[in-house]
Amino acid sequence: YFAFDGISFSLSQKARQAVQTSLID
């Protein structure tokens, strides 16, 4: 159905918040 244009990898908002909280603690 589709052609492939690209893929990107990132950190989800939930994981980002957990890491920030952990680092602050």
PDBML (XML) file of the C-alpha atoms, coordinates in Angstrom:
<?xml version="1.0" encoding="UTF-8" ?>
<PDBx:datablock datablockName="MODEL"
   xmlns:PDBx="http://pdbml.pdb.org/schema/pdbx-v50.xsd"
   xmlns:xsi="http://www.w3.org/2001/XMLSchema-instance"
   xsi:schemaLocation="http://pdbml.pdb.org/schema/pdbx-v50.xsd pdbx-v50.xsd">
   <PDBx:atom_siteCategory>
      <PDBx:atom_site id="1">
         <PDBx:B_iso_or_equiv>0.00</PDBx:B_iso_or_equiv>
         <PDBx:Cartn_x>0.000</PDBx:Cartn_x>
         <PDBx:Cartn_y>0.000</PDBx:Cartn_y>
         <PDBx:Cartn_z>0.000</PDBx:Cartn_z>
         <PDBx:auth_asym_id>A</PDBx:auth_asym_id>
         <PDBx:auth_atom_id>CA</PDBx:auth_atom_id>
         <PDBx:auth_comp_id>TYR</PDBx:auth_comp_id>
         <PDBx:auth_seq_id>1</PDBx:auth_seq_id>
         <PDBx:group_PDB>ATOM</PDBx:group_PDB>
         <PDBx:label_alt_id xsi:nil="true" />
         <PDBx:label_asym_id>A</PDBx:label_asym_id>
         <PDBx:label_atom_id>CA</PDBx:label_atom_id>
         <PDBx:label_comp_id>TYR</PDBx:label_comp_id>
         <PDBx:label_entity_id>1</PDBx:label_entity_id>
         <PDBx:label_seq_id>1</PDBx:label_seq_id>
         <PDBx:occupancy>1.00</PDBx:occupancy>
         <PDBx:pdbx_PDB_model_num>1</PDBx:pdbx_PDB_model_num>
         <PDBx:type_symbol>C</PDBx:type_symbol>
      </PDBx:atom_site>
      <PDBx:atom_site id="2">
         <PDBx:B_iso_or_equiv>0.00</PDBx:B_iso_or_equiv>
         <PDBx:Cartn_x>2.757</PDBx:Cartn_x>
         <PDBx:Cartn_y>2.428</PDBx:Cartn_y>
         <PDBx:Cartn_z>0.884</PDBx:Cartn_z>
         <PDBx:auth_asym_id>A</PDBx:auth_asym_id>
         <PDBx:auth_atom_id>CA</PDBx:auth_atom_id>
         <PDBx:auth_comp_id>PHE</PDBx:auth_comp_id>
         <PDBx:auth_seq_id>2</PDBx:auth_seq_id>
         <PDBx:group_PDB>ATOM</PDBx:group_PDB>
         <PDBx:label_alt_id xsi:nil="true" />
         <PDBx:label_asym_id>A</PDBx:label_asym_id>
         <PDBx:label_atom_id>CA</PDBx:label_atom_id>
         <PDBx:label_comp_id>PHE</PDBx:label_comp_id>
         <PDBx:label_entity_id>1</PDBx:label_entity_id>
         <PDBx:label_seq_id>2</PDBx:label_seq_id>
         <PDBx:occupancy>1.00</PDBx:occupancy>
         <PDBx:pdbx_PDB_model_num>1</PDBx:pdbx_PDB_model_num>
         <PDBx:type_symbol>C</PDBx:type_symbol>
      </PDBx:atom_site>
      <PDBx:atom_site id="3">
         <PDBx:B_iso_or_equiv>0.00</PDBx:B_iso_or_equiv>
         <PDBx:Cartn_x>6.262</PDBx:Cartn_x>
         <PDBx:Cartn_y>3.473</PDBx:Cartn_y>
         <PDBx:Cartn_z>-0.014</PDBx:Cartn_z>
         <PDBx:auth_asym_id>A</PDBx:auth_asym_id>
         <PDBx:auth_atom_id>CA</PDBx:auth_atom_id>
         <PDBx:auth_comp_id>ALA</PDBx:auth_comp_id>
         <PDBx:auth_seq_id>3</PDBx:auth_seq_id>
         <PDBx:group_PDB>ATOM</PDBx:group_PDB>
         <PDBx:label_alt_id xsi:nil="true" />
         <PDBx:label_asym_id>A</PDBx:label_asym_id>
         <PDBx:label_atom_id>CA</PDBx:label_atom_id>
         <PDBx:label_comp_id>ALA</PDBx:label_comp_id>
         <PDBx:label_entity_id>1</PDBx:label_entity_id>
         <PDBx:label_seq_id>3</PDBx:label_seq_id>
         <PDBx:occupancy>1.00</PDBx:occupancy>
         <PDBx:pdbx_PDB_model_num>1</PDBx:pdbx_PDB_model_num>
         <PDBx:type_symbol>C</PDBx:type_symbol>
      </PDBx:atom_site>
      <PDBx:atom_site id="4">
         <PDBx:B_iso_or_equiv>0.00</PDBx:B_iso_or_equiv>
         <PDBx:Cartn_x>8.753</PDBx:Cartn_x>
         <PDBx:Cartn_y>3.887</PDBx:Cartn_y>
         <PDBx:Cartn_z>2.838</PDBx:Cartn_z>
         <PDBx:auth_asym_id>A</PDBx:auth_asym_id>
         <PDBx:auth_atom_id>CA</PDBx:auth_atom_id>
         <PDBx:auth_comp_id>PHE</PDBx:auth_comp_id>
         <PDBx:auth_seq_id>4</PDBx:auth_seq_id>
         <PDBx:group_PDB>ATOM</PDBx:group_PDB>
         <PDBx:label_alt_id xsi:nil="true" />
         <PDBx:label_asym_id>A</PDBx:label_asym_id>
         <PDBx:label_atom_id>CA</PDBx:label_atom_id>
         <PDBx:label_comp_id>PHE</PDBx:label_comp_id>
         <PDBx:label_entity_id>1</PDBx:label_entity_id>
         <PDBx:label_seq_id>4</PDBx:label_seq_id>
         <PDBx:occupancy>1.00</PDBx:occupancy>
         <PDBx:pdbx_PDB_model_num>1</PDBx:pdbx_PDB_model_num>
         <PDBx:type_symbol>C</PDBx:type_symbol>
      </PDBx:atom_site>
      <PDBx:atom_site id="5">
         <PDBx:B_iso_or_equiv>0.00</PDBx:B_iso_or_equiv>
         <PDBx:Cartn_x>9.946</PDBx:Cartn_x>
         <PDBx:Cartn_y>7.455</PDBx:Cartn_y>
         <PDBx:Cartn_z>3.436</PDBx:Cartn_z>
         <PDBx:auth_asym_id>A</PDBx:auth_asym_id>
         <PDBx:auth_atom_id>CA</PDBx:auth_atom_id>
         <PDBx:auth_comp_id>ASP</PDBx:auth_comp_id>
         <PDBx:auth_seq_id>5</PDBx:auth_seq_id>
         <PDBx:group_PDB>ATOM</PDBx:group_PDB>
         <PDBx:label_alt_id xsi:nil="true" />
         <PDBx:label_asym_id>A</PDBx:label_asym_id>
         <PDBx:label_atom_id>CA</PDBx:label_atom_id>
         <PDBx:label_comp_id>ASP</PDBx:label_comp_id>
         <PDBx:label_entity_id>1</PDBx:label_entity_id>
         <PDBx:label_seq_id>5</PDBx:label_seq_id>
         <PDBx:occupancy>1.00</PDBx:occupancy>
         <PDBx:pdbx_PDB_model_num>1</PDBx:pdbx_PDB_model_num>
         <PDBx:type_symbol>C</PDBx:type_symbol>
      </PDBx:atom_site>
      <PDBx:atom_site id="6">
         <PDBx:B_iso_or_equiv>0.00</PDBx:B_iso_or_equiv>
         <PDBx:Cartn_x>12.014</PDBx:Cartn_x>
         <PDBx:Cartn_y>7.043</PDBx:Cartn_y>
         <PDBx:Cartn_z>6.594</PDBx:Cartn_z>
         <PDBx:auth_asym_id>A</PDBx:auth_asym_id>
         <PDBx:auth_atom_id>CA</PDBx:auth_atom_id>
         <PDBx:auth_comp_id>GLY</PDBx:auth_comp_id>
         <PDBx:auth_seq_id>6</PDBx:auth_seq_id>
         <PDBx:group_PDB>ATOM</PDBx:group_PDB>
         <PDBx:label_alt_id xsi:nil="true" />
         <PDBx:label_asym_id>A</PDBx:label_asym_id>
         <PDBx:label_atom_id>CA</PDBx:label_atom_id>
         <PDBx:label_comp_id>GLY</PDBx:label_comp_id>
         <PDBx:label_entity_id>1</PDBx:label_entity_id>
         <PDBx:label_seq_id>6</PDBx:label_seq_id>
         <PDBx:occupancy>1.00</PDBx:occupancy>
         <PDBx:pdbx_PDB_model_num>1</PDBx:pdbx_PDB_model_num>
         <PDBx:type_symbol>C</PDBx:type_symbol>
      </PDBx:atom_site>
      <PDBx:atom_site id="7">
         <PDBx:B_iso_or_equiv>0.00</PDBx:B_iso_or_equiv>
         <PDBx:Cartn_x>12.271</PDBx:Cartn_x>
         <PDBx:Cartn_y>6.041</PDBx:Cartn_y>
         <PDBx:Cartn_z>10.227</PDBx:Cartn_z>
         <PDBx:auth_asym_id>A</PDBx:auth_asym_id>
         <PDBx:auth_atom_id>CA</PDBx:auth_atom_id>
         <PDBx:auth_comp_id>ILE</PDBx:auth_comp_id>
         <PDBx:auth_seq_id>7</PDBx:auth_seq_id>
         <PDBx:group_PDB>ATOM</PDBx:group_PDB>
         <PDBx:label_alt_id xsi:nil="true" />
         <PDBx:label_asym_id>A</PDBx:label_asym_id>
         <PDBx:label_atom_id>CA</PDBx:label_atom_id>
         <PDBx:label_comp_id>ILE</PDBx:label_comp_id>
         <PDBx:label_entity_id>1</PDBx:label_entity_id>
         <PDBx:label_seq_id>7</PDBx:label_seq_id>
         <PDBx:occupancy>1.00</PDBx:occupancy>
         <PDBx:pdbx_PDB_model_num>1</PDBx:pdbx_PDB_model_num>
         <PDBx:type_symbol>C</PDBx:type_symbol>
      </PDBx:atom_site>
      <PDBx:atom_site id="8">
         <PDBx:B_iso_or_equiv>0.00</PDBx:B_iso_or_equiv>
         <PDBx:Cartn_x>13.305</PDBx:Cartn_x>
         <PDBx:Cartn_y>8.009</PDBx:Cartn_y>
         <PDBx:Cartn_z>13.292</PDBx:Cartn_z>
         <PDBx:auth_asym_id>A</PDBx:auth_asym_id>
         <PDBx:auth_atom_id>CA</PDBx:auth_atom_id>
         <PDBx:auth_comp_id>SER</PDBx:auth_comp_id>
         <PDBx:auth_seq_id>8</PDBx:auth_seq_id>
         <PDBx:group_PDB>ATOM</PDBx:group_PDB>
         <PDBx:label_alt_id xsi:nil="true" />
         <PDBx:label_asym_id>A</PDBx:label_asym_id>
         <PDBx:label_atom_id>CA</PDBx:label_atom_id>
         <PDBx:label_comp_id>SER</PDBx:label_comp_id>
         <PDBx:label_entity_id>1</PDBx:label_entity_id>
         <PDBx:label_seq_id>8</PDBx:label_seq_id>
         <PDBx:occupancy>1.00</PDBx:occupancy>
         <PDBx:pdbx_PDB_model_num>1</PDBx:pdbx_PDB_model_num>
         <PDBx:type_symbol>C</PDBx:type_symbol>
      </PDBx:atom_site>
      <PDBx:atom_site id="9">
         <PDBx:B_iso_or_equiv>0.00</PDBx:B_iso_or_equiv>
         <PDBx:Cartn_x>14.018</PDBx:Cartn_x>
         <PDBx:Cartn_y>6.827</PDBx:Cartn_y>
         <PDBx:Cartn_z>16.798</PDBx:Cartn_z>
         <PDBx:auth_asym_id>A</PDBx:auth_asym_id>
         <PDBx:auth_atom_id>CA</PDBx:auth_atom_id>
         <PDBx:auth_comp_id>PHE</PDBx:auth_comp_id>
         <PDBx:auth_seq_id>9</PDBx:auth_seq_id>
         <PDBx:group_PDB>ATOM</PDBx:group_PDB>
         <PDBx:label_alt_id xsi:nil="true" />
         <PDBx:label_asym_id>A</PDBx:label_asym_id>
         <PDBx:label_atom_id>CA</PDBx:label_atom_id>
         <PDBx:label_comp_id>PHE</PDBx:label_comp_id>
         <PDBx:label_entity_id>1</PDBx:label_entity_id>
         <PDBx:label_seq_id>9</PDBx:label_seq_id>
         <PDBx:occupancy>1.00</PDBx:occupancy>
         <PDBx:pdbx_PDB_model_num>1</PDBx:pdbx_PDB_model_num>
         <PDBx:type_symbol>C</PDBx:type_symbol>
      </PDBx:atom_site>
      <PDBx:atom_site id="10">
         <PDBx:B_iso_or_equiv>0.00</PDBx:B_iso_or_equiv>
         <PDBx:Cartn_x>13.212</PDBx:Cartn_x>
         <PDBx:Cartn_y>8.863</PDBx:Cartn_y>
         <PDBx:Cartn_z>19.884</PDBx:Cartn_z>
         <PDBx:auth_asym_id>A</PDBx:auth_asym_id>
         <PDBx:auth_atom_id>CA</PDBx:auth_atom_id>
         <PDBx:auth_comp_id>SER</PDBx:auth_comp_id>
         <PDBx:auth_seq_id>10</PDBx:auth_seq_id>
         <PDBx:group_PDB>ATOM</PDBx:group_PDB>
         <PDBx:label_alt_id xsi:nil="true" />
         <PDBx:label_asym_id>A</PDBx:label_asym_id>
         <PDBx:label_atom_id>CA</PDBx:label_atom_id>
         <PDBx:label_comp_id>SER</PDBx:label_comp_id>
         <PDBx:label_entity_id>1</PDBx:label_entity_id>
         <PDBx:label_seq_id>10</PDBx:label_seq_id>
         <PDBx:occupancy>1.00</PDBx:occupancy>
         <PDBx:pdbx_PDB_model_num>1</PDBx:pdbx_PDB_model_num>
         <PDBx:type_symbol>C</PDBx:type_symbol>
      </PDBx:atom_site>
      <PDBx:atom_site id="11">
         <PDBx:B_iso_or_equiv>0.00</PDBx:B_iso_or_equiv>
         <PDBx:Cartn_x>12.484</PDBx:Cartn_x>
         <PDBx:Cartn_y>8.774</PDBx:Cartn_y>
         <PDBx:Cartn_z>23.572</PDBx:Cartn_z>
         <PDBx:auth_asym_id>A</PDBx:auth_asym_id>
         <PDBx:auth_atom_id>CA</PDBx:auth_atom_id>
         <PDBx:auth_comp_id>LEU</PDBx:auth_comp_id>
         <PDBx:auth_seq_id>11</PDBx:auth_seq_id>
         <PDBx:group_PDB>ATOM</PDBx:group_PDB>
         <PDBx:label_alt_id xsi:nil="true" />
         <PDBx:label_asym_id>A</PDBx:label_asym_id>
         <PDBx:label_atom_id>CA</PDBx:label_atom_id>
         <PDBx:label_comp_id>LEU</PDBx:label_comp_id>
         <PDBx:label_entity_id>1</PDBx:label_entity_id>
         <PDBx:label_seq_id>11</PDBx:label_seq_id>
         <PDBx:occupancy>1.00</PDBx:occupancy>
         <PDBx:pdbx_PDB_model_num>1</PDBx:pdbx_PDB_model_num>
         <PDBx:type_symbol>C</PDBx:type_symbol>
      </PDBx:atom_site>
      <PDBx:atom_site id="12">
         <PDBx:B_iso_or_equiv>0.00</PDBx:B_iso_or_equiv>
         <PDBx:Cartn_x>8.795</PDBx:Cartn_x>
         <PDBx:Cartn_y>8.786</PDBx:Cartn_y>
         <PDBx:Cartn_z>24.464</PDBx:Cartn_z>
         <PDBx:auth_asym_id>A</PDBx:auth_asym_id>
         <PDBx:auth_atom_id>CA</PDBx:auth_atom_id>
         <PDBx:auth_comp_id>SER</PDBx:auth_comp_id>
         <PDBx:auth_seq_id>12</PDBx:auth_seq_id>
         <PDBx:group_PDB>ATOM</PDBx:group_PDB>
         <PDBx:label_alt_id xsi:nil="true" />
         <PDBx:label_asym_id>A</PDBx:label_asym_id>
         <PDBx:label_atom_id>CA</PDBx:label_atom_id>
         <PDBx:label_comp_id>SER</PDBx:label_comp_id>
         <PDBx:label_entity_id>1</PDBx:label_entity_id>
         <PDBx:label_seq_id>12</PDBx:label_seq_id>
         <PDBx:occupancy>1.00</PDBx:occupancy>
         <PDBx:pdbx_PDB_model_num>1</PDBx:pdbx_PDB_model_num>
         <PDBx:type_symbol>C</PDBx:type_symbol>
      </PDBx:atom_site>
      <PDBx:atom_site id="13">
         <PDBx:B_iso_or_equiv>0.00</PDBx:B_iso_or_equiv>
         <PDBx:Cartn_x>7.449</PDBx:Cartn_x>
         <PDBx:Cartn_y>11.545</PDBx:Cartn_y>
         <PDBx:Cartn_z>26.710</PDBx:Cartn_z>
         <PDBx:auth_asym_id>A</PDBx:auth_asym_id>
         <PDBx:auth_atom_id>CA</PDBx:auth_atom_id>
         <PDBx:auth_comp_id>GLN</PDBx:auth_comp_id>
         <PDBx:auth_seq_id>13</PDBx:auth_seq_id>
         <PDBx:group_PDB>ATOM</PDBx:group_PDB>
         <PDBx:label_alt_id xsi:nil="true" />
         <PDBx:label_asym_id>A</PDBx:label_asym_id>
         <PDBx:label_atom_id>CA</PDBx:label_atom_id>
         <PDBx:label_comp_id>GLN</PDBx:label_comp_id>
         <PDBx:label_entity_id>1</PDBx:label_entity_id>
         <PDBx:label_seq_id>13</PDBx:label_seq_id>
         <PDBx:occupancy>1.00</PDBx:occupancy>
         <PDBx:pdbx_PDB_model_num>1</PDBx:pdbx_PDB_model_num>
         <PDBx:type_symbol>C</PDBx:type_symbol>
      </PDBx:atom_site>
      <PDBx:atom_site id="14">
         <PDBx:B_iso_or_equiv>0.00</PDBx:B_iso_or_equiv>
         <PDBx:Cartn_x>6.654</PDBx:Cartn_x>
         <PDBx:Cartn_y>8.994</PDBx:Cartn_y>
         <PDBx:Cartn_z>29.439</PDBx:Cartn_z>
         <PDBx:auth_asym_id>A</PDBx:auth_asym_id>
         <PDBx:auth_atom_id>CA</PDBx:auth_atom_id>
         <PDBx:auth_comp_id>LYS</PDBx:auth_comp_id>
         <PDBx:auth_seq_id>14</PDBx:auth_seq_id>
         <PDBx:group_PDB>ATOM</PDBx:group_PDB>
         <PDBx:label_alt_id xsi:nil="true" />
         <PDBx:label_asym_id>A</PDBx:label_asym_id>
         <PDBx:label_atom_id>CA</PDBx:label_atom_id>
         <PDBx:label_comp_id>LYS</PDBx:label_comp_id>
         <PDBx:label_entity_id>1</PDBx:label_entity_id>
         <PDBx:label_seq_id>14</PDBx:label_seq_id>
         <PDBx:occupancy>1.00</PDBx:occupancy>
         <PDBx:pdbx_PDB_model_num>1</PDBx:pdbx_PDB_model_num>
         <PDBx:type_symbol>C</PDBx:type_symbol>
      </PDBx:atom_site>
      <PDBx:atom_site id="15">
         <PDBx:B_iso_or_equiv>0.00</PDBx:B_iso_or_equiv>
         <PDBx:Cartn_x>10.204</PDBx:Cartn_x>
         <PDBx:Cartn_y>7.571</PDBx:Cartn_y>
         <PDBx:Cartn_z>29.406</PDBx:Cartn_z>
         <PDBx:auth_asym_id>A</PDBx:auth_asym_id>
         <PDBx:auth_atom_id>CA</PDBx:auth_atom_id>
         <PDBx:auth_comp_id>ALA</PDBx:auth_comp_id>
         <PDBx:auth_seq_id>15</PDBx:auth_seq_id>
         <PDBx:group_PDB>ATOM</PDBx:group_PDB>
         <PDBx:label_alt_id xsi:nil="true" />
         <PDBx:label_asym_id>A</PDBx:label_asym_id>
         <PDBx:label_atom_id>CA</PDBx:label_atom_id>
         <PDBx:label_comp_id>ALA</PDBx:label_comp_id>
         <PDBx:label_entity_id>1</PDBx:label_entity_id>
         <PDBx:label_seq_id>15</PDBx:label_seq_id>
         <PDBx:occupancy>1.00</PDBx:occupancy>
         <PDBx:pdbx_PDB_model_num>1</PDBx:pdbx_PDB_model_num>
         <PDBx:type_symbol>C</PDBx:type_symbol>
      </PDBx:atom_site>
      <PDBx:atom_site id="16">
         <PDBx:B_iso_or_equiv>0.00</PDBx:B_iso_or_equiv>
         <PDBx:Cartn_x>11.723</PDBx:Cartn_x>
         <PDBx:Cartn_y>11.066</PDBx:Cartn_y>
         <PDBx:Cartn_z>29.276</PDBx:Cartn_z>
         <PDBx:auth_asym_id>A</PDBx:auth_asym_id>
         <PDBx:auth_atom_id>CA</PDBx:auth_atom_id>
         <PDBx:auth_comp_id>ARG</PDBx:auth_comp_id>
         <PDBx:auth_seq_id>16</PDBx:auth_seq_id>
         <PDBx:group_PDB>ATOM</PDBx:group_PDB>
         <PDBx:label_alt_id xsi:nil="true" />
         <PDBx:label_asym_id>A</PDBx:label_asym_id>
         <PDBx:label_atom_id>CA</PDBx:label_atom_id>
         <PDBx:label_comp_id>ARG</PDBx:label_comp_id>
         <PDBx:label_entity_id>1</PDBx:label_entity_id>
         <PDBx:label_seq_id>16</PDBx:label_seq_id>
         <PDBx:occupancy>1.00</PDBx:occupancy>
         <PDBx:pdbx_PDB_model_num>1</PDBx:pdbx_PDB_model_num>
         <PDBx:type_symbol>C</PDBx:type_symbol>
      </PDBx:atom_site>
      <PDBx:atom_site id="17">
         <PDBx:B_iso_or_equiv>0.00</PDBx:B_iso_or_equiv>
         <PDBx:Cartn_x>9.752</PDBx:Cartn_x>
         <PDBx:Cartn_y>12.112</PDBx:Cartn_y>
         <PDBx:Cartn_z>32.376</PDBx:Cartn_z>
         <PDBx:auth_asym_id>A</PDBx:auth_asym_id>
         <PDBx:auth_atom_id>CA</PDBx:auth_atom_id>
         <PDBx:auth_comp_id>GLN</PDBx:auth_comp_id>
         <PDBx:auth_seq_id>17</PDBx:auth_seq_id>
         <PDBx:group_PDB>ATOM</PDBx:group_PDB>
         <PDBx:label_alt_id xsi:nil="true" />
         <PDBx:label_asym_id>A</PDBx:label_asym_id>
         <PDBx:label_atom_id>CA</PDBx:label_atom_id>
         <PDBx:label_comp_id>GLN</PDBx:label_comp_id>
         <PDBx:label_entity_id>1</PDBx:label_entity_id>
         <PDBx:label_seq_id>17</PDBx:label_seq_id>
         <PDBx:occupancy>1.00</PDBx:occupancy>
         <PDBx:pdbx_PDB_model_num>1</PDBx:pdbx_PDB_model_num>
         <PDBx:type_symbol>C</PDBx:type_symbol>
      </PDBx:atom_site>
      <PDBx:atom_site id="18">
         <PDBx:B_iso_or_equiv>0.00</PDBx:B_iso_or_equiv>
         <PDBx:Cartn_x>10.751</PDBx:Cartn_x>
         <PDBx:Cartn_y>8.943</PDBx:Cartn_y>
         <PDBx:Cartn_z>34.246</PDBx:Cartn_z>
         <PDBx:auth_asym_id>A</PDBx:auth_asym_id>
         <PDBx:auth_atom_id>CA</PDBx:auth_atom_id>
         <PDBx:auth_comp_id>ALA</PDBx:auth_comp_id>
         <PDBx:auth_seq_id>18</PDBx:auth_seq_id>
         <PDBx:group_PDB>ATOM</PDBx:group_PDB>
         <PDBx:label_alt_id xsi:nil="true" />
         <PDBx:label_asym_id>A</PDBx:label_asym_id>
         <PDBx:label_atom_id>CA</PDBx:label_atom_id>
         <PDBx:label_comp_id>ALA</PDBx:label_comp_id>
         <PDBx:label_entity_id>1</PDBx:label_entity_id>
         <PDBx:label_seq_id>18</PDBx:label_seq_id>
         <PDBx:occupancy>1.00</PDBx:occupancy>
         <PDBx:pdbx_PDB_model_num>1</PDBx:pdbx_PDB_model_num>
         <PDBx:type_symbol>C</PDBx:type_symbol>
      </PDBx:atom_site>
      <PDBx:atom_site id="19">
         <PDBx:B_iso_or_equiv>0.00</PDBx:B_iso_or_equiv>
         <PDBx:Cartn_x>14.444</PDBx:Cartn_x>
         <PDBx:Cartn_y>9.482</PDBx:Cartn_y>
         <PDBx:Cartn_z>33.460</PDBx:Cartn_z>
         <PDBx:auth_asym_id>A</PDBx:auth_asym_id>
         <PDBx:auth_atom_id>CA</PDBx:auth_atom_id>
         <PDBx:auth_comp_id>VAL</PDBx:auth_comp_id>
         <PDBx:auth_seq_id>19</PDBx:auth_seq_id>
         <PDBx:group_PDB>ATOM</PDBx:group_PDB>
         <PDBx:label_alt_id xsi:nil="true" />
         <PDBx:label_asym_id>A</PDBx:label_asym_id>
         <PDBx:label_atom_id>CA</PDBx:label_atom_id>
         <PDBx:label_comp_id>VAL</PDBx:label_comp_id>
         <PDBx:label_entity_id>1</PDBx:label_entity_id>
         <PDBx:label_seq_id>19</PDBx:label_seq_id>
         <PDBx:occupancy>1.00</PDBx:occupancy>
         <PDBx:pdbx_PDB_model_num>1</PDBx:pdbx_PDB_model_num>
         <PDBx:type_symbol>C</PDBx:type_symbol>
      </PDBx:atom_site>
      <PDBx:atom_site id="20">
         <PDBx:B_iso_or_equiv>0.00</PDBx:B_iso_or_equiv>
         <PDBx:Cartn_x>14.310</PDBx:Cartn_x>
         <PDBx:Cartn_y>13.141</PDBx:Cartn_y>
         <PDBx:Cartn_z>34.492</PDBx:Cartn_z>
         <PDBx:auth_asym_id>A</PDBx:auth_asym_id>
         <PDBx:auth_atom_id>CA</PDBx:auth_atom_id>
         <PDBx:auth_comp_id>GLN</PDBx:auth_comp_id>
         <PDBx:auth_seq_id>20</PDBx:auth_seq_id>
         <PDBx:group_PDB>ATOM</PDBx:group_PDB>
         <PDBx:label_alt_id xsi:nil="true" />
         <PDBx:label_asym_id>A</PDBx:label_asym_id>
         <PDBx:label_atom_id>CA</PDBx:label_atom_id>
         <PDBx:label_comp_id>GLN</PDBx:label_comp_id>
         <PDBx:label_entity_id>1</PDBx:label_entity_id>
         <PDBx:label_seq_id>20</PDBx:label_seq_id>
         <PDBx:occupancy>1.00</PDBx:occupancy>
         <PDBx:pdbx_PDB_model_num>1</PDBx:pdbx_PDB_model_num>
         <PDBx:type_symbol>C</PDBx:type_symbol>
      </PDBx:atom_site>
      <PDBx:atom_site id="21">
         <PDBx:B_iso_or_equiv>0.00</PDBx:B_iso_or_equiv>
         <PDBx:Cartn_x>12.599</PDBx:Cartn_x>
         <PDBx:Cartn_y>12.281</PDBx:Cartn_y>
         <PDBx:Cartn_z>37.774</PDBx:Cartn_z>
         <PDBx:auth_asym_id>A</PDBx:auth_asym_id>
         <PDBx:auth_atom_id>CA</PDBx:auth_atom_id>
         <PDBx:auth_comp_id>THR</PDBx:auth_comp_id>
         <PDBx:auth_seq_id>21</PDBx:auth_seq_id>
         <PDBx:group_PDB>ATOM</PDBx:group_PDB>
         <PDBx:label_alt_id xsi:nil="true" />
         <PDBx:label_asym_id>A</PDBx:label_asym_id>
         <PDBx:label_atom_id>CA</PDBx:label_atom_id>
         <PDBx:label_comp_id>THR</PDBx:label_comp_id>
         <PDBx:label_entity_id>1</PDBx:label_entity_id>
         <PDBx:label_seq_id>21</PDBx:label_seq_id>
         <PDBx:occupancy>1.00</PDBx:occupancy>
         <PDBx:pdbx_PDB_model_num>1</PDBx:pdbx_PDB_model_num>
         <PDBx:type_symbol>C</PDBx:type_symbol>
      </PDBx:atom_site>
      <PDBx:atom_site id="22">
         <PDBx:B_iso_or_equiv>0.00</PDBx:B_iso_or_equiv>
         <PDBx:Cartn_x>15.119</PDBx:Cartn_x>
         <PDBx:Cartn_y>9.530</PDBx:Cartn_y>
         <PDBx:Cartn_z>38.471</PDBx:Cartn_z>
         <PDBx:auth_asym_id>A</PDBx:auth_asym_id>
         <PDBx:auth_atom_id>CA</PDBx:auth_atom_id>
         <PDBx:auth_comp_id>SER</PDBx:auth_comp_id>
         <PDBx:auth_seq_id>22</PDBx:auth_seq_id>
         <PDBx:group_PDB>ATOM</PDBx:group_PDB>
         <PDBx:label_alt_id xsi:nil="true" />
         <PDBx:label_asym_id>A</PDBx:label_asym_id>
         <PDBx:label_atom_id>CA</PDBx:label_atom_id>
         <PDBx:label_comp_id>SER</PDBx:label_comp_id>
         <PDBx:label_entity_id>1</PDBx:label_entity_id>
         <PDBx:label_seq_id>22</PDBx:label_seq_id>
         <PDBx:occupancy>1.00</PDBx:occupancy>
         <PDBx:pdbx_PDB_model_num>1</PDBx:pdbx_PDB_model_num>
         <PDBx:type_symbol>C</PDBx:type_symbol>
      </PDBx:atom_site>
      <PDBx:atom_site id="23">
         <PDBx:B_iso_or_equiv>0.00</PDBx:B_iso_or_equiv>
         <PDBx:Cartn_x>18.080</PDBx:Cartn_x>
         <PDBx:Cartn_y>11.815</PDBx:Cartn_y>
         <PDBx:Cartn_z>37.740</PDBx:Cartn_z>
         <PDBx:auth_asym_id>A</PDBx:auth_asym_id>
         <PDBx:auth_atom_id>CA</PDBx:auth_atom_id>
         <PDBx:auth_comp_id>LEU</PDBx:auth_comp_id>
         <PDBx:auth_seq_id>23</PDBx:auth_seq_id>
         <PDBx:group_PDB>ATOM</PDBx:group_PDB>
         <PDBx:label_alt_id xsi:nil="true" />
         <PDBx:label_asym_id>A</PDBx:label_asym_id>
         <PDBx:label_atom_id>CA</PDBx:label_atom_id>
         <PDBx:label_comp_id>LEU</PDBx:label_comp_id>
         <PDBx:label_entity_id>1</PDBx:label_entity_id>
         <PDBx:label_seq_id>23</PDBx:label_seq_id>
         <PDBx:occupancy>1.00</PDBx:occupancy>
         <PDBx:pdbx_PDB_model_num>1</PDBx:pdbx_PDB_model_num>
         <PDBx:type_symbol>C</PDBx:type_symbol>
      </PDBx:atom_site>
      <PDBx:atom_site id="24">
         <PDBx:B_iso_or_equiv>0.00</PDBx:B_iso_or_equiv>
         <PDBx:Cartn_x>16.726</PDBx:Cartn_x>
         <PDBx:Cartn_y>14.584</PDBx:Cartn_y>
         <PDBx:Cartn_z>39.973</PDBx:Cartn_z>
         <PDBx:auth_asym_id>A</PDBx:auth_asym_id>
         <PDBx:auth_atom_id>CA</PDBx:auth_atom_id>
         <PDBx:auth_comp_id>ILE</PDBx:auth_comp_id>
         <PDBx:auth_seq_id>24</PDBx:auth_seq_id>
         <PDBx:group_PDB>ATOM</PDBx:group_PDB>
         <PDBx:label_alt_id xsi:nil="true" />
         <PDBx:label_asym_id>A</PDBx:label_asym_id>
         <PDBx:label_atom_id>CA</PDBx:label_atom_id>
         <PDBx:label_comp_id>ILE</PDBx:label_comp_id>
         <PDBx:label_entity_id>1</PDBx:label_entity_id>
         <PDBx:label_seq_id>24</PDBx:label_seq_id>
         <PDBx:occupancy>1.00</PDBx:occupancy>
         <PDBx:pdbx_PDB_model_num>1</PDBx:pdbx_PDB_model_num>
         <PDBx:type_symbol>C</PDBx:type_symbol>
      </PDBx:atom_site>
      <PDBx:atom_site id="25">
         <PDBx:B_iso_or_equiv>0.00</PDBx:B_iso_or_equiv>
         <PDBx:Cartn_x>16.141</PDBx:Cartn_x>
         <PDBx:Cartn_y>12.100</PDBx:Cartn_y>
         <PDBx:Cartn_z>42.803</PDBx:Cartn_z>
         <PDBx:auth_asym_id>A</PDBx:auth_asym_id>
         <PDBx:auth_atom_id>CA</PDBx:auth_atom_id>
         <PDBx:auth_comp_id>ASP</PDBx:auth_comp_id>
         <PDBx:auth_seq_id>25</PDBx:auth_seq_id>
         <PDBx:group_PDB>ATOM</PDBx:group_PDB>
         <PDBx:label_alt_id xsi:nil="true" />
         <PDBx:label_asym_id>A</PDBx:label_asym_id>
         <PDBx:label_atom_id>CA</PDBx:label_atom_id>
         <PDBx:label_comp_id>ASP</PDBx:label_comp_id>
         <PDBx:label_entity_id>1</PDBx:label_entity_id>
         <PDBx:label_seq_id>25</PDBx:label_seq_id>
         <PDBx:occupancy>1.00</PDBx:occupancy>
         <PDBx:pdbx_PDB_model_num>1</PDBx:pdbx_PDB_model_num>
         <PDBx:type_symbol>C</PDBx:type_symbol>
      </PDBx:atom_site>
   </PDBx:atom_siteCategory>
</PDBx:datablock>
